[in-house]
PDB file of N, CA and C in Angstrom:
ATOM      1  N   MET A   1     -15.901   3.585 -10.834  1.00  0.00           N
ATOM      2  CA  MET A   1     -14.729   2.734 -10.184  1.00  0.00           C
ATOM      3  C   MET A   1     -15.254   2.847  -8.749  1.00  0.00           C
ATOM      4  N   SER A   2     -15.258   1.412  -7.793  1.00  0.00           N
ATOM      5  CA  SER A   2     -15.703   1.345  -6.688  1.00  0.00           C
ATOM      6  C   SER A   2     -14.864   1.722  -5.484  1.00  0.00           C
ATOM      7  N   HIS A   3     -15.179   2.068  -4.365  1.00  0.00           N
ATOM      8  CA  HIS A   3     -14.516   2.396  -3.295  1.00  0.00           C
ATOM      9  C   HIS A   3     -12.866   1.372  -3.228  1.00  0.00           C
ATOM     10  N   PRO A   4     -12.556   0.888  -3.023  1.00  0.00           N
ATOM     11  CA  PRO A   4     -11.589  -0.046  -3.067  1.00  0.00           C
ATOM     12  C   PRO A   4     -11.113   0.412  -3.868  1.00  0.00           C
ATOM     13  N   GLY A   5     -11.656  -0.227  -5.228  1.00  0.00           N
ATOM     14  CA  GLY A   5     -10.387  -0.058  -6.721  1.00  0.00           C
ATOM     15  C   GLY A   5     -10.083   1.475  -6.646  1.00  0.00           C
ATOM     16  N   ARG A   6     -10.483   3.141  -6.151  1.00  0.00           N
ATOM     17  CA  ARG A   6     -10.096   4.474  -5.918  1.00  0.00           C
ATOM     18  C   ARG A   6      -8.810   3.947  -5.468  1.00  0.00           C
ATOM     19  N   ILE A   7      -8.807   3.486  -4.265  1.00  0.00           N
ATOM     20  CA  ILE A   7      -8.177   3.473  -2.681  1.00  0.00           C
ATOM     21  C   ILE A   7      -7.069   3.196  -3.501  1.00  0.00           C
ATOM     22  N   VAL A   8      -6.302   1.468  -4.175  1.00  0.00           N
ATOM     23  CA  VAL A   8      -6.019   1.131  -4.569  1.00  0.00           C
ATOM     24  C   VAL A   8      -4.860   1.708  -5.959  1.00  0.00           C
ATOM     25  N   ALA A   9      -6.270   2.783  -6.564  1.00  0.00           N
ATOM     26  CA  ALA A   9      -5.663   3.725  -7.815  1.00  0.00           C
ATOM     27  C   ALA A   9      -4.447   5.225  -6.545  1.00  0.00           C
ATOM     28  N   LEU A  10      -4.752   5.101  -5.902  1.00  0.00           N
ATOM     29  CA  LEU A  10      -4.796   6.811  -5.500  1.00  0.00           C
ATOM     30  C   LEU A  10      -3.763   6.377  -4.014  1.00  0.00           C
ATOM     31  N   GLN A  11      -2.893   4.590  -3.885  1.00  0.00           N
ATOM     32  CA  GLN A  11      -2.016   4.140  -3.453  1.00  0.00           C
ATOM     33  C   GLN A  11      -1.108   4.262  -4.423  1.00  0.00           C
ATOM     34  N   ALA A  12      -1.747   4.100  -4.982  1.00  0.00           N
ATOM     35  CA  ALA A  12      -0.409   4.040  -6.372  1.00  0.00           C
ATOM     36  C   ALA A  12       0.089   4.648  -7.467  1.00  0.00           C
ATOM     37  N   VAL A  13      -1.181   5.959  -7.680  1.00  0.00           N
ATOM     38  CA  VAL A  13      -0.107   7.041  -7.703  1.00  0.00           C
ATOM     39  C   VAL A  13       0.449   8.013  -6.585  1.00  0.00           C
ATOM     40  N   ILE A  14       0.422   7.437  -5.559  1.00  0.00           N
ATOM     41  CA  ILE A  14       1.538   7.988  -3.900  1.00  0.00           C
ATOM     42  C   ILE A  14       2.263   7.058  -4.509  1.00  0.00           C
ATOM     43  N   GLY A  15       1.899   6.022  -4.657  1.00  0.00           N
ATOM     44  CA  GLY A  15       3.520   5.327  -4.338  1.00  0.00           C
ATOM     45  C   GLY A  15       4.117   5.681  -5.468  1.00  0.00           C
ATOM     46  N   LEU A  16       3.070   5.837  -6.700  1.00  0.00           N
ATOM     47  CA  LEU A  16       4.595   7.047  -7.796  1.00  0.00           C
ATOM     48  C   LEU A  16       4.948   7.490  -7.631  1.00  0.00           C
ATOM     49  N   VAL A  17       4.519   8.986  -7.354  1.00  0.00           N
ATOM     50  CA  VAL A  17       4.587   9.557  -6.958  1.00  0.00           C
ATOM     51  C   VAL A  17       6.100   9.841  -6.351  1.00  0.00           C
ATOM     52  N   CYS A  18       6.086   8.818  -4.842  1.00  0.00           N
ATOM     53  CA  CYS A  18       7.630   9.459  -3.796  1.00  0.00           C
ATOM     54  C   CYS A  18       8.401   8.470  -4.770  1.00  0.00           C
ATOM     55  N   ILE A  19       8.118   7.119  -4.906  1.00  0.00           N
ATOM     56  CA  ILE A  19       9.347   6.770  -5.879  1.00  0.00           C
ATOM     57  C   ILE A  19      10.122   7.480  -6.241  1.00  0.00           C
ATOM     58  N   GLY A  20       8.700   8.731  -7.554  1.00  0.00           N
ATOM     59  CA  GLY A  20       9.514   9.610  -8.857  1.00  0.00           C
ATOM     60  C   GLY A  20      10.308  10.636  -7.261  1.00  0.00           C
ATOM     61  N   ALA A  21       9.631  11.298  -5.780  1.00  0.00           N
ATOM     62  CA  ALA A  21      10.475  11.973  -5.734  1.00  0.00           C
ATOM     63  C   ALA A  21      11.886  11.642  -4.558  1.00  0.00           C
ATOM     64  N   PHE A  22      11.580  10.662  -4.517  1.00  0.00           N
ATOM     65  CA  PHE A  22      13.457   9.929  -3.681  1.00  0.00           C
ATOM     66  C   PHE A  22      13.683  10.235  -4.169  1.00  0.00           C
ATOM     67  N   SER A  23      13.690   8.758  -5.682  1.00  0.00           N
ATOM     68  CA  SER A  23      15.053   8.548  -7.075  1.00  0.00           C
ATOM     69  C   SER A  23      15.577   9.719  -7.506  1.00  0.00           C
ATOM     70  N   ALA A  24      14.550  10.937  -6.952  1.00  0.00           N
ATOM     71  CA  ALA A  24      15.330  12.451  -7.870  1.00  0.00           C
ATOM     72  C   ALA A  24      16.121  12.765  -6.461  1.00  0.00           C
ATOM     73  N   PHE A  25      15.579  12.866  -5.621  1.00  0.00           N
ATOM     74  CA  PHE A  25      17.261  12.544  -4.175  1.00  0.00           C
ATOM     75  C   PHE A  25      17.930  11.587  -4.439  1.00  0.00           C
ATOM     76  N   HIS A  26      17.628  10.194  -4.162  1.00  0.00           N
ATOM     77  CA  HIS A  26      18.531  10.089  -4.849  1.00  0.00           C
ATOM     78  C   HIS A  26      18.719   8.581  -4.574  1.00  0.00           C
ATOM     79  N   LEU A  27      19.135   8.052  -5.418  1.00  0.00           N
ATOM     80  CA  LEU A  27      18.851   6.542  -5.792  1.00  0.00           C
ATOM     81  C   LEU A  27      17.948   5.392  -4.804  1.00  0.00           C
ATOM     82  N   ASP A  28      19.109   5.310  -3.179  1.00  0.00           N
ATOM     83  CA  ASP A  28      19.091   4.573  -2.362  1.00  0.00           C
ATOM     84  C   ASP A  28      18.065   4.442  -1.959  1.00  0.00           C
ATOM     85  N   GLN A  29      17.046   5.731  -1.466  1.00  0.00           N
ATOM     86  CA  GLN A  29      16.106   6.603  -1.411  1.00  0.00           C
ATOM     87  C   GLN A  29      14.653   5.978  -1.939  1.00  0.00           C
ATOM     88  N   GLY A  30      14.898   6.197  -3.463  1.00  0.00           N
ATOM     89  CA  GLY A  30      14.510   5.324  -4.426  1.00  0.00           C
ATOM     90  C   GLY A  30      14.115   3.620  -4.629  1.00  0.00           C
ATOM     91  N   ARG A  31      14.982   2.980  -3.673  1.00  0.00           N
ATOM     92  CA  ARG A  31      14.579   1.811  -3.799  1.00  0.00           C
ATOM     93  C   ARG A  31      13.966   0.848  -2.819  1.00  0.00           C
ATOM     94  N   SER A  32      14.326   2.240  -2.275  1.00  0.00           N
ATOM     95  CA  SER A  32      13.469   1.784  -0.161  1.00  0.00           C
ATOM     96  C   SER A  32      11.103   2.330  -0.814  1.00  0.00           C
ATOM     97  N   ALA A  33      11.823   3.379  -0.932  1.00  0.00           N
ATOM     98  CA  ALA A  33       9.875   4.237  -1.790  1.00  0.00           C
ATOM     99  C   ALA A  33       9.488   2.520  -2.747  1.00  0.00           C
ATOM    100  N   LEU A  34      10.201   1.722  -3.876  1.00  0.00           N
ATOM    101  CA  LEU A  34       9.150   1.186  -4.418  1.00  0.00           C
ATOM    102  C   LEU A  34       9.174  -0.084  -3.350  1.00  0.00           C
ATOM    103  N   LEU A  35      10.003  -0.665  -2.219  1.00  0.00           N
ATOM    104  CA  LEU A  35       9.711  -2.040  -1.829  1.00  0.00           C
ATOM    105  C   LEU A  35       9.282  -1.176  -0.911  1.00  0.00           C
ATOM    106  N   ALA A  36       8.688  -0.381  -0.296  1.00  0.00           N
ATOM    107  CA  ALA A  36       7.367  -0.427   1.015  1.00  0.00           C
ATOM    108  C   ALA A  36       6.172   0.252   0.150  1.00  0.00           C
ATOM    109  N   ALA A  37       6.024   1.224  -1.261  1.00  0.00           N
ATOM    110  CA  ALA A  37       5.228   0.683  -1.875  1.00  0.00           C
ATOM    111  C   ALA A  37       4.733  -0.569  -2.774  1.00  0.00           C
ATOM    112  N   LEU A  38       5.446  -1.834  -3.037  1.00  0.00           N
ATOM    113  CA  LEU A  38       4.631  -2.949  -3.241  1.00  0.00           C
ATOM    114  C   LEU A  38       4.328  -3.297  -1.431  1.00  0.00           C
ATOM    115  N   SER A  39       4.861  -3.317  -1.456  1.00  0.00           N
ATOM    116  CA  SER A  39       4.750  -3.828   0.038  1.00  0.00           C
ATOM    117  C   SER A  39       3.067  -3.902   1.329  1.00  0.00           C
ATOM    118  N   ALA A  40       2.598  -1.932   0.174  1.00  0.00           N
ATOM    119  CA  ALA A  40       1.063  -1.403   0.097  1.00  0.00           C
ATOM    120  C   ALA A  40       0.240  -1.893  -0.351  1.00  0.00           C
ATOM    121  N   LEU A  41       0.484  -1.825  -1.650  1.00  0.00           N
ATOM    122  CA  LEU A  41      -0.160  -1.588  -2.631  1.00  0.00           C
ATOM    123  C   LEU A  41      -0.384  -3.156  -3.303  1.00  0.00           C
ATOM    124  N   LEU A  42       0.432  -3.961  -2.797  1.00  0.00           N
ATOM    125  CA  LEU A  42      -0.274  -5.524  -3.080  1.00  0.00           C
ATOM    126  C   LEU A  42      -0.800  -6.487  -2.247  1.00  0.00           C
ATOM    127  N   PRO A  43      -1.021  -5.986  -1.076  1.00  0.00           N
ATOM    128  CA  PRO A  43      -1.931  -7.153  -0.331  1.00  0.00           C
ATOM    129  C   PRO A  43      -3.673  -5.325  -0.493  1.00  0.00           C
ATOM    130  N   THR A  44      -3.110  -4.598  -0.169  1.00  0.00           N
ATOM    131  CA  THR A  44      -4.198  -3.985  -0.449  1.00  0.00           C
ATOM    132  C   THR A  44      -5.284  -4.439  -1.847  1.00  0.00           C
ATOM    133  N   ALA A  45      -4.675  -4.828  -3.140  1.00  0.00           N
ATOM    134  CA  ALA A  45      -5.104  -4.722  -3.803  1.00  0.00           C
ATOM    135  C   ALA A  45      -5.251  -5.975  -4.058  1.00  0.00           C
ATOM    136  N   TYR A  46      -5.475  -6.776  -3.309  1.00  0.00           N
ATOM    137  CA  TYR A  46      -6.085  -8.526  -3.282  1.00  0.00           C
ATOM    138  C   TYR A  46      -7.221  -7.969  -2.231  1.00  0.00           C
ATOM    139  N   TYR A  47      -7.092  -7.108  -1.049  1.00  0.00           N
ATOM    140  CA  TYR A  47      -7.996  -7.135  -1.078  1.00  0.00           C
ATOM    141  C   TYR A  47      -9.530  -6.500  -1.057  1.00  0.00           C
ATOM    142  N   ALA A  48      -9.215  -5.796  -2.761  1.00  0.00           N
ATOM    143  CA  ALA A  48      -9.874  -5.806  -2.879  1.00  0.00           C
ATOM    144  C   ALA A  48     -10.552  -5.211  -3.436  1.00  0.00           C
ATOM    145  N   TRP A  49     -10.040  -6.635  -4.384  1.00  0.00           N
ATOM    146  CA  TRP A  49     -10.269  -7.994  -5.590  1.00  0.00           C
ATOM    147  C   TRP A  49     -11.090  -8.765  -4.265  1.00  0.00           C
ATOM    148  N   VAL A  50     -11.243  -9.229  -3.769  1.00  0.00           N
ATOM    149  CA  VAL A  50     -11.970  -9.946  -2.620  1.00  0.00           C
ATOM    150  C   VAL A  50     -13.244  -9.072  -2.125  1.00  0.00           C
ATOM    151  N   VAL A  51     -13.233  -8.007  -1.775  1.00  0.00           N
ATOM    152  CA  VAL A  51     -14.971  -7.100  -1.707  1.00  0.00           C
ATOM    153  C   VAL A  51     -15.178  -6.976  -2.709  1.00  0.00           C
ATOM    154  N   GLY A  52     -15.112  -7.117  -4.433  1.00  0.00           N
ATOM    155  CA  GLY A  52     -15.665  -7.375  -5.022  1.00  0.00           C
ATOM    156  C   GLY A  52     -16.145  -8.399  -5.162  1.00  0.00           C
ATOM    157  N   ARG A  53     -16.233  -8.670  -4.712  1.00  0.00           N
ATOM    158  CA  ARG A  53     -16.089 -10.950  -5.558  1.00  0.00           C
ATOM    159  C   ARG A  53     -16.967 -11.448  -3.624  1.00  0.00           C
ATOM    160  N   THR A  54     -17.231 -10.797  -2.523  1.00  0.00           N
ATOM    161  CA  THR A  54     -18.072 -11.172  -2.288  1.00  0.00           C
ATOM    162  C   THR A  54     -18.854 -10.051  -0.626  1.00  0.00           C
ATOM    163  N   LEU A  55     -19.455 -10.686  -0.664  1.00  0.00           N
ATOM    164  CA  LEU A  55     -20.585 -10.281   0.370  1.00  0.00           C
ATOM    165  C   LEU A  55     -20.648 -10.345   1.455  1.00  0.00           C
ATOM    166  N   ASN A  56     -19.929 -11.724   1.836  1.00  0.00           N
ATOM    167  CA  ASN A  56     -20.078 -12.485   3.470  1.00  0.00           C
ATOM    168  C   ASN A  56     -19.147 -12.166   4.208  1.00  0.00           C
ATOM    169  N   ALA A  57     -20.183 -10.478   4.983  1.00  0.00           N
ATOM    170  CA  ALA A  57     -18.776 -10.054   6.575  1.00  0.00           C
ATOM    171  C   ALA A  57     -17.919 -11.144   7.363  1.00  0.00           C
ATOM    172  N   PRO A  58     -18.311 -11.999   6.815  1.00  0.00           N
ATOM    173  CA  PRO A  58     -17.630 -12.734   8.317  1.00  0.00           C
ATOM    174  C   PRO A  58     -16.178 -13.147   7.485  1.00  0.00           C
ATOM    175  N   ARG A  59     -16.004 -13.209   5.799  1.00  0.00           N
ATOM    176  CA  ARG A  59     -15.184 -13.766   4.904  1.00  0.00           C
ATOM    177  C   ARG A  59     -13.756 -12.544   4.799  1.00  0.00           C
ATOM    178  N   LEU A  60     -15.535 -11.196   4.590  1.00  0.00           N
ATOM    179  CA  LEU A  60     -14.424  -9.368   4.443  1.00  0.00           C
ATOM    180  C   LEU A  60     -13.523  -9.304   5.294  1.00  0.00           C
ATOM    181  N   VAL A  61     -14.155 -10.380   7.041  1.00  0.00           N
ATOM    182  CA  VAL A  61     -13.426  -9.572   7.631  1.00  0.00           C
ATOM    183  C   VAL A  61     -11.819 -10.419   8.136  1.00  0.00           C
ATOM    184  N   PHE A  62     -12.316 -11.065   7.729  1.00  0.00           N
ATOM    185  CA  PHE A  62     -11.292 -12.411   7.342  1.00  0.00           C
ATOM    186  C   PHE A  62     -10.100 -11.860   6.728  1.00  0.00           C
ATOM    187  N   HIS A  63      -9.998 -11.969   5.644  1.00  0.00           N
ATOM    188  CA  HIS A  63      -9.102 -10.802   4.050  1.00  0.00           C
ATOM    189  C   HIS A  63      -8.913  -9.689   4.826  1.00  0.00           C
ATOM    190  N   GLY A  64     -10.066  -9.063   5.989  1.00  0.00           N
ATOM    191  CA  GLY A  64      -9.239  -7.577   6.167  1.00  0.00           C
ATOM    192  C   GLY A  64      -7.808  -7.842   6.682  1.00  0.00           C
ATOM    193  N   VAL A  65      -7.765  -8.831   8.100  1.00  0.00           N
ATOM    194  CA  VAL A  65      -7.638  -9.129   8.701  1.00  0.00           C
ATOM    195  C   VAL A  65      -5.919  -9.982   8.161  1.00  0.00           C
ATOM    196  N   LEU A  66      -6.135 -10.472   6.653  1.00  0.00           N
ATOM    197  CA  LEU A  66      -4.852 -11.393   6.540  1.00  0.00           C
ATOM    198  C   LEU A  66      -3.936 -10.219   5.554  1.00  0.00           C
ATOM    199  N   ARG A  67      -4.988  -9.471   4.414  1.00  0.00           N
ATOM    200  CA  ARG A  67      -4.178  -7.758   5.014  1.00  0.00           C
ATOM    201  C   ARG A  67      -3.173  -7.203   5.272  1.00  0.00           C
ATOM    202  N   SER A  68      -3.898  -7.322   6.746  1.00  0.00           N
ATOM    203  CA  SER A  68      -3.047  -6.293   7.670  1.00  0.00           C
ATOM    204  C   SER A  68      -2.041  -7.620   8.085  1.00  0.00           C
ATOM    205  N   VAL A  69      -1.617  -8.469   7.725  1.00  0.00           N
ATOM    206  CA  VAL A  69      -1.056  -9.804   8.263  1.00  0.00           C
ATOM    207  C   VAL A  69       0.300  -9.423   7.015  1.00  0.00           C
ATOM    208  N   LEU A  70      -0.783  -9.663   5.951  1.00  0.00           N
ATOM    209  CA  LEU A  70       0.496  -9.664   5.095  1.00  0.00           C
ATOM    210  C   LEU A  70       1.388  -8.420   4.483  1.00  0.00           C
ATOM    211  N   THR A  71       0.152  -7.600   4.852  1.00  0.00           N
ATOM    212  CA  THR A  71       1.238  -6.250   4.950  1.00  0.00           C
ATOM    213  C   THR A  71       2.253  -5.233   5.988  1.00  0.00           C
ATOM    214  N   MET A  72       2.763  -5.962   6.660  1.00  0.00           N
ATOM    215  CA  MET A  72       3.337  -6.628   7.343  1.00  0.00           C
ATOM    216  C   MET A  72       4.231  -7.462   8.272  1.00  0.00           C
ATOM    217  N   SER A  73       4.030  -8.697   7.383  1.00  0.00           N
ATOM    218  CA  SER A  73       5.184  -9.082   6.440  1.00  0.00           C
ATOM    219  C   SER A  73       5.531  -9.021   5.907  1.00  0.00           C
ATOM    220  N   ALA A  74       5.418  -8.066   4.900  1.00  0.00           N
ATOM    221  CA  ALA A  74       5.745  -7.905   3.492  1.00  0.00           C
ATOM    222  C   ALA A  74       6.904  -6.231   4.326  1.00  0.00           C
ATOM    223  N   LEU A  75       6.553  -5.475   5.375  1.00  0.00           N
ATOM    224  CA  LEU A  75       7.745  -4.359   5.436  1.00  0.00           C
ATOM    225  C   LEU A  75       8.224  -5.174   6.668  1.00  0.00           C
ATOM    226  N   ALA A  76       8.461  -6.257   6.810  1.00  0.00           N
ATOM    227  CA  ALA A  76       8.626  -6.700   8.268  1.00  0.00           C
ATOM    228  C   ALA A  76      10.744  -7.635   7.167  1.00  0.00           C
ATOM    229  N   LEU A  77      10.101  -8.280   6.554  1.00  0.00           N
ATOM    230  CA  LEU A  77      10.448  -9.478   4.764  1.00  0.00           C
ATOM    231  C   LEU A  77      12.205  -7.929   4.072  1.00  0.00           C
ATOM    232  N   CYS A  78      11.059  -7.001   4.289  1.00  0.00           N
ATOM    233  CA  CYS A  78      11.841  -5.822   3.291  1.00  0.00           C
ATOM    234  C   CYS A  78      13.417  -5.121   4.542  1.00  0.00           C
ATOM    235  N   ILE A  79      12.701  -5.202   5.730  1.00  0.00           N
ATOM    236  CA  ILE A  79      13.521  -4.051   7.067  1.00  0.00           C
ATOM    237  C   ILE A  79      15.105  -5.320   6.778  1.00  0.00           C
ATOM    238  N   VAL A  80      14.847  -6.724   7.284  1.00  0.00           N
ATOM    239  CA  VAL A  80      15.311  -7.491   7.395  1.00  0.00           C
ATOM    240  C   VAL A  80      15.676  -7.498   6.544  1.00  0.00           C
ATOM    241  N   LEU A  81      16.259  -8.141   4.952  1.00  0.00           N
ATOM    242  CA  LEU A  81      16.504  -8.921   4.059  1.00  0.00           C
ATOM    243  C   LEU A  81      17.301  -7.879   2.950  1.00  0.00           C
ATOM    244  N   THR A  82      16.506  -6.789   3.430  1.00  0.00           N
ATOM    245  CA  THR A  82      17.010  -5.859   2.643  1.00  0.00           C
ATOM    246  C   THR A  82      18.053  -4.237   3.636  1.00  0.00           C
ATOM    247  N   GLU A  83      18.604  -3.415   3.013  1.00  0.00           N
ATOM    248  CA  GLU A  83      19.325  -2.339   3.602  1.00  0.00           C
ATOM    249  C   GLU A  83      18.290  -1.035   3.549  1.00  0.00           C
ATOM    250  N   ILE A  84      17.710  -0.871   3.417  1.00  0.00           N
ATOM    251  CA  ILE A  84      16.812   0.115   3.013  1.00  0.00           C
ATOM    252  C   ILE A  84      17.140   1.456   3.527  1.00  0.00           C
ATOM    253  N   GLU A  85      16.205   3.306   2.881  1.00  0.00           N
ATOM    254  CA  GLU A  85      16.483   4.063   3.195  1.00  0.00           C
ATOM    255  C   GLU A  85      15.307   4.342   4.085  1.00  0.00           C
ATOM    256  N   PRO A  86      15.345   4.146   5.745  1.00  0.00           N
ATOM    257  CA  PRO A  86      14.400   4.886   6.512  1.00  0.00           C
ATOM    258  C   PRO A  86      13.389   5.784   5.619  1.00  0.00           C
ATOM    259  N   LEU A  87      14.073   6.862   5.525  1.00  0.00           N
ATOM    260  CA  LEU A  87      13.256   8.168   5.045  1.00  0.00           C
ATOM    261  C   LEU A  87      12.260   7.355   4.168  1.00  0.00           C
ATOM    262  N   GLY A  88      12.616   7.629   3.124  1.00  0.00           N
ATOM    263  CA  GLY A  88      11.598   7.142   2.011  1.00  0.00           C
ATOM    264  C   GLY A  88      11.303   5.478   2.112  1.00  0.00           C
ATOM    265  N   PHE A  89      11.972   4.802   2.347  1.00  0.00           N
ATOM    266  CA  PHE A  89      10.805   3.733   3.107  1.00  0.00           C
ATOM    267  C   PHE A  89       9.598   3.988   4.192  1.00  0.00           C
ATOM    268  N   PHE A  90       9.639   4.693   4.907  1.00  0.00           N
ATOM    269  CA  PHE A  90       8.906   4.427   5.887  1.00  0.00           C
ATOM    270  C   PHE A  90       7.814   5.743   5.218  1.00  0.00           C
ATOM    271  N   SER A  91       8.125   6.468   5.258  1.00  0.00           N
ATOM    272  CA  SER A  91       6.886   8.443   4.753  1.00  0.00           C
ATOM    273  C   SER A  91       6.638   8.290   3.472  1.00  0.00           C
ATOM    274  N   THR A  92       7.204   6.943   2.867  1.00  0.00           N
ATOM    275  CA  THR A  92       6.117   6.157   1.183  1.00  0.00           C
ATOM    276  C   THR A  92       5.028   5.364   1.291  1.00  0.00           C
ATOM    277  N   PHE A  93       5.716   4.687   2.803  1.00  0.00           N
ATOM    278  CA  PHE A  93       4.773   4.136   3.537  1.00  0.00           C
ATOM    279  C   PHE A  93       3.160   4.401   4.056  1.00  0.00           C
ATOM    280  N   ALA A  94       3.631   5.289   4.746  1.00  0.00           N
ATOM    281  CA  ALA A  94       2.801   6.338   5.607  1.00  0.00           C
ATOM    282  C   ALA A  94       1.821   7.134   4.675  1.00  0.00           C
ATOM    283  N   LEU A  95       2.438   7.650   3.934  1.00  0.00           N
ATOM    284  CA  LEU A  95       1.898   8.445   3.182  1.00  0.00           C
ATOM    285  C   LEU A  95       0.397   7.535   1.968  1.00  0.00           C
ATOM    286  N   MET A  96       0.961   6.228   1.803  1.00  0.00           N
ATOM    287  CA  MET A  96       0.122   5.582   0.970  1.00  0.00           C
ATOM    288  C   MET A  96      -0.947   4.927   1.863  1.00  0.00           C
ATOM    289  N   GLN A  97      -0.658   5.309   3.188  1.00  0.00           N
ATOM    290  CA  GLN A  97      -1.887   4.676   4.293  1.00  0.00           C
ATOM    291  C   GLN A  97      -2.901   5.875   4.527  1.00  0.00           C
ATOM    292  N   LEU A  98      -1.704   6.919   4.185  1.00  0.00           N
ATOM    293  CA  LEU A  98      -3.166   8.439   4.194  1.00  0.00           C
ATOM    294  C   LEU A  98      -4.633   7.415   3.292  1.00  0.00           C
ATOM    295  N   SER A  99      -3.937   6.814   2.200  1.00  0.00           N
ATOM    296  CA  SER A  99      -4.984   7.020   0.776  1.00  0.00           C
ATOM    297  C   SER A  99      -6.613   6.494   1.659  1.00  0.00           C
ATOM    298  N   PHE A 100      -6.396   5.336   2.662  1.00  0.00           N
ATOM    299  CA  PHE A 100      -7.685   5.537   3.879  1.00  0.00           C
ATOM    300  C   PHE A 100      -8.876   6.102   3.421  1.00  0.00           C
ATOM    301  N   PHE A 101      -8.340   6.847   3.963  1.00  0.00           N
ATOM    302  CA  PHE A 101      -9.628   8.444   4.214  1.00  0.00           C
ATOM    303  C   PHE A 101      -9.830   9.804   3.104  1.00  0.00           C
ATOM    304  N   ALA A 102     -10.095   9.054   2.033  1.00  0.00           N
ATOM    305  CA  ALA A 102     -10.024   8.722   0.549  1.00  0.00           C
ATOM    306  C   ALA A 102     -11.601   9.336   0.948  1.00  0.00           C
ATOM    307  N   PRO A 103     -11.759  10.323   0.898  1.00  0.00           N
ATOM    308  CA  PRO A 103     -14.490  10.408   1.290  1.00  0.00           C
ATOM    309  C   PRO A 103     -14.863   9.880  -0.477  1.00  0.00           C
ATOM    310  N   ARG A 104     -15.382   8.512   0.389  1.00  0.00           N
ATOM    311  CA  ARG A 104     -16.291   8.384  -0.605  1.00  0.00           C
ATOM    312  C   ARG A 104     -17.101   9.293  -1.534  1.00  0.00           C
ATOM    313  N   LYS A 105     -18.141   8.748  -2.744  1.00  0.00           N
ATOM    314  CA  LYS A 105     -18.737   9.338  -3.479  1.00  0.00           C
ATOM    315  C   LYS A 105     -19.729   9.519  -2.809  1.00  0.00           C
ATOM    316  N   ALA A 106     -20.268   9.805  -3.230  1.00  0.00           N
ATOM    317  CA  ALA A 106     -21.524  10.836  -2.395  1.00  0.00           C
ATOM    318  C   ALA A 106     -22.801   9.947  -3.676  1.00  0.00           C
ATOM    319  N   LYS A 107     -23.697   9.367  -3.249  1.00  0.00           N
ATOM    320  CA  LYS A 107     -24.619   8.920  -4.879  1.00  0.00           C
ATOM    321  C   LYS A 107     -26.146   9.466  -4.561  1.00  0.00           C
TER     322      LYS A 107
END
């Protein structure tokens, strides 16, 4: 599995664990964790898909910026359109972002 694919998989696992943990605590916290997980995971999965299909540096930079814009837009929409629980939402999002520090496999 490619490094971007491993990041997506790790984010999915972290998101599921957070959703389960926060749902056990309170259902609204779990719903907020779900929204944060989707806000982080979908743009990252899209970017991983693009990385696997091109080696064009300017295009990768463009899609990297697009991933960031999509992530921030999704977060803003969740905050504005729904009543999030801050603990579940921001904790889940922050933990999922830590997946970008996952070490690469040595070749």
